[in-house]
Full PDB file with SEQRES, HELIX, SHEET, SSBOND, CRYST1, ORIGX, SCALE, CONECT and MASTER records, all heavy atoms in Angstrom:
SEQRES   1 A   40  ASP ALA GLU LEU CYS VAL GLY ASP ILE SER ASN ILE LEU          
SEQRES   2 A   40  LYS LEU SER GLN SER SER VAL SER HIS GLN LEU ARG ILE          
SEQRES   3 A   40  LEU LYS ASP ASN LYS LEU VAL LYS PHE ARG ARG ASP GLY          
SEQRES   4 A   40  LYS                                                          
HELIX    1 AA1 VAL A    6  LEU A   13  1                                   8    
HELIX    2 AA2 GLN A   17  ASP A   29  1                                  13    
CRYST1    1.000    1.000    1.000  90.00  90.00  90.00 P 1           1          
ORIGX1      1.000000  0.000000  0.000000        0.00000                         
ORIGX2      0.000000  1.000000  0.000000        0.00000                         
ORIGX3      0.000000  0.000000  1.000000        0.00000                         
SCALE1      1.000000  0.000000  0.000000        0.00000                         
SCALE2      0.000000  1.000000  0.000000        0.00000                         
SCALE3      0.000000  0.000000  1.000000        0.00000                         
ATOM      1  N   ASP A   1     139.636 146.956 157.037  1.00  0.00           N  
ATOM      2  CA  ASP A   1     138.600 146.572 158.058  1.00  0.00           C  
ATOM      3  C   ASP A   1     138.406 147.654 159.105  1.00  0.00           C  
ATOM      4  O   ASP A   1     137.684 147.381 160.078  1.00  0.00           O  
ATOM      5  CB  ASP A   1     138.987 145.281 158.688  1.00  0.00           C  
ATOM      6  CG  ASP A   1     138.808 144.083 157.753  1.00  0.00           C  
ATOM      7  OD1 ASP A   1     137.820 144.041 157.047  1.00  0.00           O  
ATOM      8  OD2 ASP A   1     139.732 143.216 157.752  1.00  0.00           O  
ATOM      9  N   ALA A   2     139.002 148.792 158.967  1.00  0.00           N  
ATOM     10  CA  ALA A   2     138.952 149.802 160.032  1.00  0.00           C  
ATOM     11  C   ALA A   2     138.871 151.183 159.452  1.00  0.00           C  
ATOM     12  O   ALA A   2     139.497 151.485 158.422  1.00  0.00           O  
ATOM     13  CB  ALA A   2     140.157 149.665 160.960  1.00  0.00           C  
ATOM     14  N   GLU A   3     138.221 152.114 160.146  1.00  0.00           N  
ATOM     15  CA  GLU A   3     138.195 153.491 159.871  1.00  0.00           C  
ATOM     16  C   GLU A   3     139.338 154.138 160.708  1.00  0.00           C  
ATOM     17  O   GLU A   3     139.381 153.874 161.919  1.00  0.00           O  
ATOM     18  CB  GLU A   3     136.852 154.063 160.221  1.00  0.00           C  
ATOM     19  CG  GLU A   3     136.683 155.513 159.964  1.00  0.00           C  
ATOM     20  CD  GLU A   3     135.352 156.023 160.450  1.00  0.00           C  
ATOM     21  OE1 GLU A   3     135.065 156.016 161.649  1.00  0.00           O  
ATOM     22  OE2 GLU A   3     134.546 156.427 159.573  1.00  0.00           O  
ATOM     23  N   LEU A   4     140.249 154.866 160.096  1.00  0.00           N  
ATOM     24  CA  LEU A   4     141.404 155.388 160.777  1.00  0.00           C  
ATOM     25  C   LEU A   4     141.659 156.872 160.475  1.00  0.00           C  
ATOM     26  O   LEU A   4     141.270 157.306 159.374  1.00  0.00           O  
ATOM     27  CB  LEU A   4     142.642 154.591 160.418  1.00  0.00           C  
ATOM     28  CG  LEU A   4     142.633 153.101 160.686  1.00  0.00           C  
ATOM     29  CD1 LEU A   4     143.823 152.457 159.975  1.00  0.00           C  
ATOM     30  CD2 LEU A   4     142.689 152.829 162.123  1.00  0.00           C  
ATOM     31  N   CYS A   5     142.269 157.567 161.385  1.00  0.00           N  
ATOM     32  CA  CYS A   5     142.717 158.899 161.108  1.00  0.00           C  
ATOM     33  C   CYS A   5     144.093 158.955 160.601  1.00  0.00           C  
ATOM     34  O   CYS A   5     144.826 157.877 160.650  1.00  0.00           O  
ATOM     35  CB  CYS A   5     142.538 159.803 162.382  1.00  0.00           C  
ATOM     36  SG  CYS A   5     143.730 159.332 163.704  1.00  0.00           S  
ATOM     37  N   VAL A   6     144.631 160.027 160.084  1.00  0.00           N  
ATOM     38  CA  VAL A   6     145.932 160.115 159.514  1.00  0.00           C  
ATOM     39  C   VAL A   6     147.004 159.682 160.507  1.00  0.00           C  
ATOM     40  O   VAL A   6     147.932 158.955 160.176  1.00  0.00           O  
ATOM     41  CB  VAL A   6     146.206 161.527 159.033  1.00  0.00           C  
ATOM     42  CG1 VAL A   6     147.627 161.739 158.563  1.00  0.00           C  
ATOM     43  CG2 VAL A   6     145.246 161.911 157.875  1.00  0.00           C  
ATOM     44  N   GLY A   7     146.860 160.137 161.770  1.00  0.00           N  
ATOM     45  CA  GLY A   7     147.864 159.806 162.809  1.00  0.00           C  
ATOM     46  C   GLY A   7     147.942 158.262 163.013  1.00  0.00           C  
ATOM     47  O   GLY A   7     149.028 157.743 163.100  1.00  0.00           O  
ATOM     48  N   ASP A   8     146.796 157.607 163.034  1.00  0.00           N  
ATOM     49  CA  ASP A   8     146.778 156.133 163.186  1.00  0.00           C  
ATOM     50  C   ASP A   8     147.496 155.445 162.010  1.00  0.00           C  
ATOM     51  O   ASP A   8     148.292 154.574 162.193  1.00  0.00           O  
ATOM     52  CB  ASP A   8     145.374 155.601 163.307  1.00  0.00           C  
ATOM     53  CG  ASP A   8     144.665 156.015 164.587  1.00  0.00           C  
ATOM     54  OD1 ASP A   8     145.394 156.330 165.593  1.00  0.00           O  
ATOM     55  OD2 ASP A   8     143.428 155.969 164.607  1.00  0.00           O  
ATOM     56  N   ILE A   9     147.138 155.942 160.830  1.00  0.00           N  
ATOM     57  CA  ILE A   9     147.721 155.348 159.605  1.00  0.00           C  
ATOM     58  C   ILE A   9     149.226 155.516 159.593  1.00  0.00           C  
ATOM     59  O   ILE A   9     149.964 154.591 159.306  1.00  0.00           O  
ATOM     60  CB  ILE A   9     147.051 155.889 158.327  1.00  0.00           C  
ATOM     61  CG1 ILE A   9     145.574 155.566 158.281  1.00  0.00           C  
ATOM     62  CG2 ILE A   9     147.772 155.384 157.096  1.00  0.00           C  
ATOM     63  CD1 ILE A   9     144.779 156.271 157.217  1.00  0.00           C  
ATOM     64  N   SER A  10     149.663 156.750 159.902  1.00  0.00           N  
ATOM     65  CA  SER A  10     151.102 157.036 159.867  1.00  0.00           C  
ATOM     66  C   SER A  10     151.827 156.191 160.936  1.00  0.00           C  
ATOM     67  O   SER A  10     152.932 155.706 160.673  1.00  0.00           O  
ATOM     68  CB  SER A  10     151.389 158.529 160.037  1.00  0.00           C  
ATOM     69  OG  SER A  10     151.070 158.954 161.306  1.00  0.00           O  
ATOM     70  N   ASN A  11     151.243 156.019 162.083  1.00  0.00           N  
ATOM     71  CA  ASN A  11     151.867 155.098 163.140  1.00  0.00           C  
ATOM     72  C   ASN A  11     151.929 153.648 162.698  1.00  0.00           C  
ATOM     73  O   ASN A  11     152.959 153.012 162.868  1.00  0.00           O  
ATOM     74  CB  ASN A  11     151.103 155.255 164.466  1.00  0.00           C  
ATOM     75  CG  ASN A  11     151.440 156.555 165.176  1.00  0.00           C  
ATOM     76  OD1 ASN A  11     152.513 157.147 164.999  1.00  0.00           O  
ATOM     77  ND2 ASN A  11     150.479 157.002 165.965  1.00  0.00           N  
ATOM     78  N   ILE A  12     150.846 153.169 162.152  1.00  0.00           N  
ATOM     79  CA  ILE A  12     150.818 151.790 161.720  1.00  0.00           C  
ATOM     80  C   ILE A  12     151.816 151.537 160.613  1.00  0.00           C  
ATOM     81  O   ILE A  12     152.558 150.512 160.607  1.00  0.00           O  
ATOM     82  CB  ILE A  12     149.398 151.439 161.165  1.00  0.00           C  
ATOM     83  CG1 ILE A  12     148.371 151.423 162.391  1.00  0.00           C  
ATOM     84  CG2 ILE A  12     149.377 150.106 160.508  1.00  0.00           C  
ATOM     85  CD1 ILE A  12     146.934 151.393 161.968  1.00  0.00           C  
ATOM     86  N   LEU A  13     151.906 152.444 159.648  1.00  0.00           N  
ATOM     87  CA  LEU A  13     152.772 152.225 158.506  1.00  0.00           C  
ATOM     88  C   LEU A  13     154.196 152.832 158.620  1.00  0.00           C  
ATOM     89  O   LEU A  13     155.010 152.652 157.747  1.00  0.00           O  
ATOM     90  CB  LEU A  13     152.110 152.797 157.250  1.00  0.00           C  
ATOM     91  CG  LEU A  13     150.758 152.218 156.887  1.00  0.00           C  
ATOM     92  CD1 LEU A  13     150.189 152.861 155.646  1.00  0.00           C  
ATOM     93  CD2 LEU A  13     150.800 150.686 156.686  1.00  0.00           C  
ATOM     94  N   LYS A  14     154.416 153.476 159.769  1.00  0.00           N  
ATOM     95  CA  LYS A  14     155.753 154.114 159.998  1.00  0.00           C  
ATOM     96  C   LYS A  14     156.095 155.086 158.910  1.00  0.00           C  
ATOM     97  O   LYS A  14     157.174 155.056 158.387  1.00  0.00           O  
ATOM     98  CB  LYS A  14     156.817 153.026 160.111  1.00  0.00           C  
ATOM     99  CG  LYS A  14     156.548 151.875 161.041  1.00  0.00           C  
ATOM    100  CD  LYS A  14     156.668 152.313 162.526  1.00  0.00           C  
ATOM    101  CE  LYS A  14     156.582 151.143 163.477  1.00  0.00           C  
ATOM    102  NZ  LYS A  14     155.276 150.855 163.999  1.00  0.00           N  
ATOM    103  N   LEU A  15     155.119 155.948 158.555  1.00  0.00           N  
ATOM    104  CA  LEU A  15     155.275 156.949 157.524  1.00  0.00           C  
ATOM    105  C   LEU A  15     154.942 158.322 158.219  1.00  0.00           C  
ATOM    106  O   LEU A  15     154.248 158.400 159.211  1.00  0.00           O  
ATOM    107  CB  LEU A  15     154.341 156.762 156.397  1.00  0.00           C  
ATOM    108  CG  LEU A  15     154.583 155.507 155.588  1.00  0.00           C  
ATOM    109  CD1 LEU A  15     153.396 155.249 154.628  1.00  0.00           C  
ATOM    110  CD2 LEU A  15     155.890 155.563 154.808  1.00  0.00           C  
ATOM    111  N   SER A  16     155.421 159.413 157.615  1.00  0.00           N  
ATOM    112  CA  SER A  16     155.096 160.697 158.116  1.00  0.00           C  
ATOM    113  C   SER A  16     153.660 161.058 157.844  1.00  0.00           C  
ATOM    114  O   SER A  16     153.048 160.545 156.865  1.00  0.00           O  
ATOM    115  CB  SER A  16     156.011 161.766 157.451  1.00  0.00           C  
ATOM    116  OG  SER A  16     155.670 161.962 156.144  1.00  0.00           O  
ATOM    117  N   GLN A  17     153.069 161.867 158.657  1.00  0.00           N  
ATOM    118  CA  GLN A  17     151.666 162.285 158.473  1.00  0.00           C  
ATOM    119  C   GLN A  17     151.512 163.013 157.169  1.00  0.00           C  
ATOM    120  O   GLN A  17     150.494 162.859 156.489  1.00  0.00           O  
ATOM    121  CB  GLN A  17     151.198 163.141 159.690  1.00  0.00           C  
ATOM    122  CG  GLN A  17     150.904 162.319 160.876  1.00  0.00           C  
ATOM    123  CD  GLN A  17     150.156 163.049 161.980  1.00  0.00           C  
ATOM    124  OE1 GLN A  17     149.660 164.148 161.745  1.00  0.00           O  
ATOM    125  NE2 GLN A  17     150.172 162.468 163.187  1.00  0.00           N  
ATOM    126  N   SER A  18     152.502 163.794 156.807  1.00  0.00           N  
ATOM    127  CA  SER A  18     152.493 164.534 155.566  1.00  0.00           C  
ATOM    128  C   SER A  18     152.423 163.598 154.359  1.00  0.00           C  
ATOM    129  O   SER A  18     151.623 163.727 153.439  1.00  0.00           O  
ATOM    130  CB  SER A  18     153.765 165.387 155.397  1.00  0.00           C  
ATOM    131  OG  SER A  18     153.847 165.969 154.197  1.00  0.00           O  
ATOM    132  N   SER A  19     153.239 162.509 154.396  1.00  0.00           N  
ATOM    133  CA  SER A  19     153.230 161.526 153.306  1.00  0.00           C  
ATOM    134  C   SER A  19     151.877 160.834 153.218  1.00  0.00           C  
ATOM    135  O   SER A  19     151.306 160.647 152.154  1.00  0.00           O  
ATOM    136  CB  SER A  19     154.305 160.508 153.489  1.00  0.00           C  
ATOM    137  OG  SER A  19     154.261 159.508 152.600  1.00  0.00           O  
ATOM    138  N   VAL A  20     151.322 160.423 154.367  1.00  0.00           N  
ATOM    139  CA  VAL A  20     150.038 159.735 154.421  1.00  0.00           C  
ATOM    140  C   VAL A  20     148.908 160.671 153.919  1.00  0.00           C  
ATOM    141  O   VAL A  20     148.083 160.295 153.105  1.00  0.00           O  
ATOM    142  CB  VAL A  20     149.696 159.220 155.868  1.00  0.00           C  
ATOM    143  CG1 VAL A  20     148.260 158.785 156.007  1.00  0.00           C  
ATOM    144  CG2 VAL A  20     150.714 158.111 156.214  1.00  0.00           C  
ATOM    145  N   SER A  21     148.949 161.908 154.387  1.00  0.00           N  
ATOM    146  CA  SER A  21     147.937 162.906 153.900  1.00  0.00           C  
ATOM    147  C   SER A  21     147.986 163.077 152.398  1.00  0.00           C  
ATOM    148  O   SER A  21     146.961 163.163 151.742  1.00  0.00           O  
ATOM    149  CB  SER A  21     148.139 164.234 154.585  1.00  0.00           C  
ATOM    150  OG  SER A  21     147.874 164.154 155.947  1.00  0.00           O  
ATOM    151  N   HIS A  22     149.170 163.167 151.823  1.00  0.00           N  
ATOM    152  CA  HIS A  22     149.344 163.321 150.374  1.00  0.00           C  
ATOM    153  C   HIS A  22     148.706 162.165 149.642  1.00  0.00           C  
ATOM    154  O   HIS A  22     147.958 162.323 148.687  1.00  0.00           O  
ATOM    155  CB  HIS A  22     150.839 163.474 150.049  1.00  0.00           C  
ATOM    156  CG  HIS A  22     151.107 163.483 148.586  1.00  0.00           C  
ATOM    157  ND1 HIS A  22     150.753 164.542 147.762  1.00  0.00           N  
ATOM    158  CD2 HIS A  22     151.649 162.548 147.764  1.00  0.00           C  
ATOM    159  CE1 HIS A  22     151.074 164.226 146.551  1.00  0.00           C  
ATOM    160  NE2 HIS A  22     151.642 163.029 146.499  1.00  0.00           N  
ATOM    161  N   GLN A  23     149.031 160.917 150.115  1.00  0.00           N  
ATOM    162  CA  GLN A  23     148.480 159.702 149.446  1.00  0.00           C  
ATOM    163  C   GLN A  23     147.006 159.579 149.655  1.00  0.00           C  
ATOM    164  O   GLN A  23     146.264 159.181 148.734  1.00  0.00           O  
ATOM    165  CB  GLN A  23     149.247 158.488 149.930  1.00  0.00           C  
ATOM    166  CG  GLN A  23     150.736 158.448 149.649  1.00  0.00           C  
ATOM    167  CD  GLN A  23     151.052 158.571 148.174  1.00  0.00           C  
ATOM    168  OE1 GLN A  23     150.234 158.226 147.340  1.00  0.00           O  
ATOM    169  NE2 GLN A  23     152.236 159.040 147.867  1.00  0.00           N  
ATOM    170  N   LEU A  24     146.510 159.935 150.847  1.00  0.00           N  
ATOM    171  CA  LEU A  24     145.062 159.918 151.030  1.00  0.00           C  
ATOM    172  C   LEU A  24     144.344 160.892 150.115  1.00  0.00           C  
ATOM    173  O   LEU A  24     143.263 160.581 149.658  1.00  0.00           O  
ATOM    174  CB  LEU A  24     144.731 160.246 152.462  1.00  0.00           C  
ATOM    175  CG  LEU A  24     144.961 159.145 153.512  1.00  0.00           C  
ATOM    176  CD1 LEU A  24     144.929 159.678 154.939  1.00  0.00           C  
ATOM    177  CD2 LEU A  24     143.961 158.019 153.304  1.00  0.00           C  
ATOM    178  N   ARG A  25     144.925 162.051 149.840  1.00  0.00           N  
ATOM    179  CA  ARG A  25     144.300 163.022 148.909  1.00  0.00           C  
ATOM    180  C   ARG A  25     144.160 162.387 147.545  1.00  0.00           C  
ATOM    181  O   ARG A  25     143.128 162.459 146.879  1.00  0.00           O  
ATOM    182  CB  ARG A  25     145.152 164.241 148.863  1.00  0.00           C  
ATOM    183  CG  ARG A  25     144.480 165.380 148.079  1.00  0.00           C  
ATOM    184  CD  ARG A  25     145.236 166.716 148.146  1.00  0.00           C  
ATOM    185  NE  ARG A  25     145.816 166.958 149.466  1.00  0.00           N  
ATOM    186  CZ  ARG A  25     147.110 166.961 149.752  1.00  0.00           C  
ATOM    187  NH1 ARG A  25     148.008 166.683 148.830  1.00  0.00           N  
ATOM    188  NH2 ARG A  25     147.544 167.193 150.973  1.00  0.00           N  
ATOM    189  N   ILE A  26     145.214 161.682 147.075  1.00  0.00           N  
ATOM    190  CA  ILE A  26     145.172 161.000 145.771  1.00  0.00           C  
ATOM    191  C   ILE A  26     144.068 159.910 145.809  1.00  0.00           C  
ATOM    192  O   ILE A  26     143.251 159.812 144.858  1.00  0.00           O  
ATOM    193  CB  ILE A  26     146.531 160.425 145.401  1.00  0.00           C  
ATOM    194  CG1 ILE A  26     147.525 161.543 145.140  1.00  0.00           C  
ATOM    195  CG2 ILE A  26     146.454 159.472 144.222  1.00  0.00           C  
ATOM    196  CD1 ILE A  26     148.970 161.084 145.080  1.00  0.00           C  
ATOM    197  N   LEU A  27     144.051 159.120 146.848  1.00  0.00           N  
ATOM    198  CA  LEU A  27     143.023 158.028 146.985  1.00  0.00           C  
ATOM    199  C   LEU A  27     141.639 158.621 147.030  1.00  0.00           C  
ATOM    200  O   LEU A  27     140.689 158.082 146.425  1.00  0.00           O  
ATOM    201  CB  LEU A  27     143.342 157.171 148.175  1.00  0.00           C  
ATOM    202  CG  LEU A  27     144.629 156.369 148.063  1.00  0.00           C  
ATOM    203  CD1 LEU A  27     144.976 155.791 149.459  1.00  0.00           C  
ATOM    204  CD2 LEU A  27     144.488 155.269 147.048  1.00  0.00           C  
ATOM    205  N   LYS A  28     141.440 159.729 147.714  1.00  0.00           N  
ATOM    206  CA  LYS A  28     140.113 160.325 147.869  1.00  0.00           C  
ATOM    207  C   LYS A  28     139.705 160.932 146.522  1.00  0.00           C  
ATOM    208  O   LYS A  28     138.565 160.758 146.049  1.00  0.00           O  
ATOM    209  CB  LYS A  28     140.172 161.442 148.886  1.00  0.00           C  
ATOM    210  CG  LYS A  28     138.841 162.147 149.154  1.00  0.00           C  
ATOM    211  CD  LYS A  28     138.875 163.095 150.320  1.00  0.00           C  
ATOM    212  CE  LYS A  28     139.828 164.262 150.205  1.00  0.00           C  
ATOM    213  NZ  LYS A  28     139.493 165.305 149.224  1.00  0.00           N  
ATOM    214  N   ASP A  29     140.610 161.599 145.810  1.00  0.00           N  
ATOM    215  CA  ASP A  29     140.317 162.194 144.526  1.00  0.00           C  
ATOM    216  C   ASP A  29     139.924 161.165 143.473  1.00  0.00           C  
ATOM    217  O   ASP A  29     139.208 161.426 142.545  1.00  0.00           O  
ATOM    218  CB  ASP A  29     141.518 162.994 144.012  1.00  0.00           C  
ATOM    219  CG  ASP A  29     141.762 164.273 144.745  1.00  0.00           C  
ATOM    220  OD1 ASP A  29     140.908 164.705 145.534  1.00  0.00           O  
ATOM    221  OD2 ASP A  29     142.837 164.840 144.595  1.00  0.00           O  
ATOM    222  N   ASN A  30     140.368 159.953 143.648  1.00  0.00           N  
ATOM    223  CA  ASN A  30     140.094 158.852 142.748  1.00  0.00           C  
ATOM    224  C   ASN A  30     138.990 157.919 143.275  1.00  0.00           C  
ATOM    225  O   ASN A  30     138.796 156.821 142.834  1.00  0.00           O  
ATOM    226  CB  ASN A  30     141.357 158.055 142.447  1.00  0.00           C  
ATOM    227  CG  ASN A  30     142.243 158.842 141.487  1.00  0.00           C  
ATOM    228  OD1 ASN A  30     141.984 158.823 140.298  1.00  0.00           O  
ATOM    229  ND2 ASN A  30     143.175 159.572 142.031  1.00  0.00           N  
ATOM    230  N   LYS A  31     138.317 158.395 144.351  1.00  0.00           N  
ATOM    231  CA  LYS A  31     137.100 157.687 144.866  1.00  0.00           C  
ATOM    232  C   LYS A  31     137.450 156.321 145.444  1.00  0.00           C  
ATOM    233  O   LYS A  31     136.635 155.397 145.318  1.00  0.00           O  
ATOM    234  CB  LYS A  31     135.977 157.642 143.847  1.00  0.00           C  
ATOM    235  CG  LYS A  31     135.532 159.028 143.448  1.00  0.00           C  
ATOM    236  CD  LYS A  31     134.448 158.945 142.434  1.00  0.00           C  
ATOM    237  CE  LYS A  31     134.029 160.342 142.024  1.00  0.00           C  
ATOM    238  NZ  LYS A  31     134.243 160.655 140.642  1.00  0.00           N  
ATOM    239  N   LEU A  32     138.646 156.130 145.980  1.00  0.00           N  
ATOM    240  CA  LEU A  32     139.022 154.845 146.579  1.00  0.00           C  
ATOM    241  C   LEU A  32     138.877 154.907 148.106  1.00  0.00           C  
ATOM    242  O   LEU A  32     138.702 153.868 148.740  1.00  0.00           O  
ATOM    243  CB  LEU A  32     140.457 154.459 146.196  1.00  0.00           C  
ATOM    244  CG  LEU A  32     140.618 154.207 144.694  1.00  0.00           C  
ATOM    245  CD1 LEU A  32     142.069 154.018 144.361  1.00  0.00           C  
ATOM    246  CD2 LEU A  32     139.774 153.069 144.238  1.00  0.00           C  
ATOM    247  N   VAL A  33     138.924 156.132 148.690  1.00  0.00           N  
ATOM    248  CA  VAL A  33     138.684 156.274 150.104  1.00  0.00           C  
ATOM    249  C   VAL A  33     137.691 157.458 150.304  1.00  0.00           C  
ATOM    250  O   VAL A  33     137.611 158.298 149.442  1.00  0.00           O  
ATOM    251  CB  VAL A  33     139.949 156.543 150.974  1.00  0.00           C  
ATOM    252  CG1 VAL A  33     140.927 155.406 150.875  1.00  0.00           C  
ATOM    253  CG2 VAL A  33     140.576 157.828 150.607  1.00  0.00           C  
ATOM    254  N   LYS A  34     136.987 157.425 151.398  1.00  0.00           N  
ATOM    255  CA  LYS A  34     136.095 158.513 151.768  1.00  0.00           C  
ATOM    256  C   LYS A  34     136.481 158.938 153.186  1.00  0.00           C  
ATOM    257  O   LYS A  34     137.242 158.248 153.891  1.00  0.00           O  
ATOM    258  CB  LYS A  34     134.657 158.033 151.703  1.00  0.00           C  
ATOM    259  CG  LYS A  34     134.282 156.921 152.644  1.00  0.00           C  
ATOM    260  CD  LYS A  34     132.897 156.397 152.402  1.00  0.00           C  
ATOM    261  CE  LYS A  34     132.639 155.179 153.304  1.00  0.00           C  
ATOM    262  NZ  LYS A  34     131.336 154.646 153.102  1.00  0.00           N  
ATOM    263  N   PHE A  35     135.921 160.031 153.614  1.00  0.00           N  
ATOM    264  CA  PHE A  35     136.270 160.542 154.959  1.00  0.00           C  
ATOM    265  C   PHE A  35     134.995 161.060 155.618  1.00  0.00           C  
ATOM    266  O   PHE A  35     134.014 161.370 154.960  1.00  0.00           O  
ATOM    267  CB  PHE A  35     137.353 161.611 154.901  1.00  0.00           C  
ATOM    268  CG  PHE A  35     136.911 162.863 154.289  1.00  0.00           C  
ATOM    269  CD1 PHE A  35     136.394 163.920 155.065  1.00  0.00           C  
ATOM    270  CD2 PHE A  35     136.917 163.038 152.906  1.00  0.00           C  
ATOM    271  CE1 PHE A  35     135.988 165.112 154.509  1.00  0.00           C  
ATOM    272  CE2 PHE A  35     136.485 164.253 152.311  1.00  0.00           C  
ATOM    273  CZ  PHE A  35     136.025 165.276 153.139  1.00  0.00           C  
ATOM    274  N   ARG A  36     135.083 161.121 156.915  1.00  0.00           N  
ATOM    275  CA  ARG A  36     134.063 161.777 157.738  1.00  0.00           C  
ATOM    276  C   ARG A  36     134.796 162.630 158.787  1.00  0.00           C  
ATOM    277  O   ARG A  36     135.826 162.188 159.270  1.00  0.00           O  
ATOM    278  CB  ARG A  36     133.108 160.806 158.318  1.00  0.00           C  
ATOM    279  CG  ARG A  36     133.603 160.004 159.426  1.00  0.00           C  
ATOM    280  CD  ARG A  36     132.522 159.134 160.166  1.00  0.00           C  
ATOM    281  NE  ARG A  36     133.143 158.398 161.230  1.00  0.00           N  
ATOM    282  CZ  ARG A  36     133.353 158.795 162.417  1.00  0.00           C  
ATOM    283  NH1 ARG A  36     133.048 160.026 162.769  1.00  0.00           N  
ATOM    284  NH2 ARG A  36     133.940 158.046 163.352  1.00  0.00           N  
ATOM    285  N   ARG A  37     134.176 163.716 159.065  1.00  0.00           N  
ATOM    286  CA  ARG A  37     134.727 164.609 160.137  1.00  0.00           C  
ATOM    287  C   ARG A  37     134.051 164.441 161.408  1.00  0.00           C  
ATOM    288  O   ARG A  37     132.811 164.304 161.490  1.00  0.00           O  
ATOM    289  CB  ARG A  37     134.590 166.058 159.633  1.00  0.00           C  
ATOM    290  CG  ARG A  37     135.346 167.102 160.430  1.00  0.00           C  
ATOM    291  CD  ARG A  37     135.222 168.461 159.779  1.00  0.00           C  
ATOM    292  NE  ARG A  37     135.723 168.561 158.467  1.00  0.00           N  
ATOM    293  CZ  ARG A  37     137.016 168.831 158.166  1.00  0.00           C  
ATOM    294  NH1 ARG A  37     137.852 169.000 159.120  1.00  0.00           N  
ATOM    295  NH2 ARG A  37     137.406 168.893 156.895  1.00  0.00           N  
ATOM    296  N   ASP A  38     134.796 164.363 162.496  1.00  0.00           N  
ATOM    297  CA  ASP A  38     134.247 164.224 163.847  1.00  0.00           C  
ATOM    298  C   ASP A  38     135.020 165.277 164.670  1.00  0.00           C  
ATOM    299  O   ASP A  38     136.106 165.012 165.172  1.00  0.00           O  
ATOM    300  CB  ASP A  38     134.463 162.853 164.375  1.00  0.00           C  
ATOM    301  CG  ASP A  38     133.840 162.599 165.728  1.00  0.00           C  
ATOM    302  OD1 ASP A  38     133.019 163.473 166.163  1.00  0.00           O  
ATOM    303  OD2 ASP A  38     134.140 161.594 166.411  1.00  0.00           O  
ATOM    304  N   GLY A  39     134.386 166.433 164.823  1.00  0.00           N  
ATOM    305  CA  GLY A  39     135.046 167.566 165.477  1.00  0.00           C  
ATOM    306  C   GLY A  39     136.245 168.012 164.639  1.00  0.00           C  
ATOM    307  O   GLY A  39     136.124 168.264 163.474  1.00  0.00           O  
ATOM    308  N   LYS A  40     137.443 167.959 165.238  1.00  0.00           N  
ATOM    309  CA  LYS A  40     138.630 168.332 164.515  1.00  0.00           C  
ATOM    310  C   LYS A  40     139.301 167.132 163.870  1.00  0.00           C  
ATOM    311  O   LYS A  40     140.270 167.302 163.051  1.00  0.00           O  
ATOM    312  CB  LYS A  40     139.631 168.962 165.486  1.00  0.00           C  
ATOM    313  CG  LYS A  40     139.215 170.333 165.989  1.00  0.00           C  
ATOM    314  CD  LYS A  40     140.305 170.951 166.824  1.00  0.00           C  
ATOM    315  CE  LYS A  40     139.843 172.376 167.258  1.00  0.00           C  
ATOM    316  NZ  LYS A  40     140.933 173.020 168.045  1.00  0.00           N  
TER     317      LYS A  40                                                      
MASTER        0    0    0    2    0    0    0    6  316    1    0    4          
END                                                                             
């Protein structure tokens, strides 16, 4: 129900940003998540 950045996800799930980024890449490659850039 929310759009989140890697830092938010890692804090919520108590996971490293590296781990979250790796899993997001897999989810993105499989068209399960999308992203948008807002500045940095």
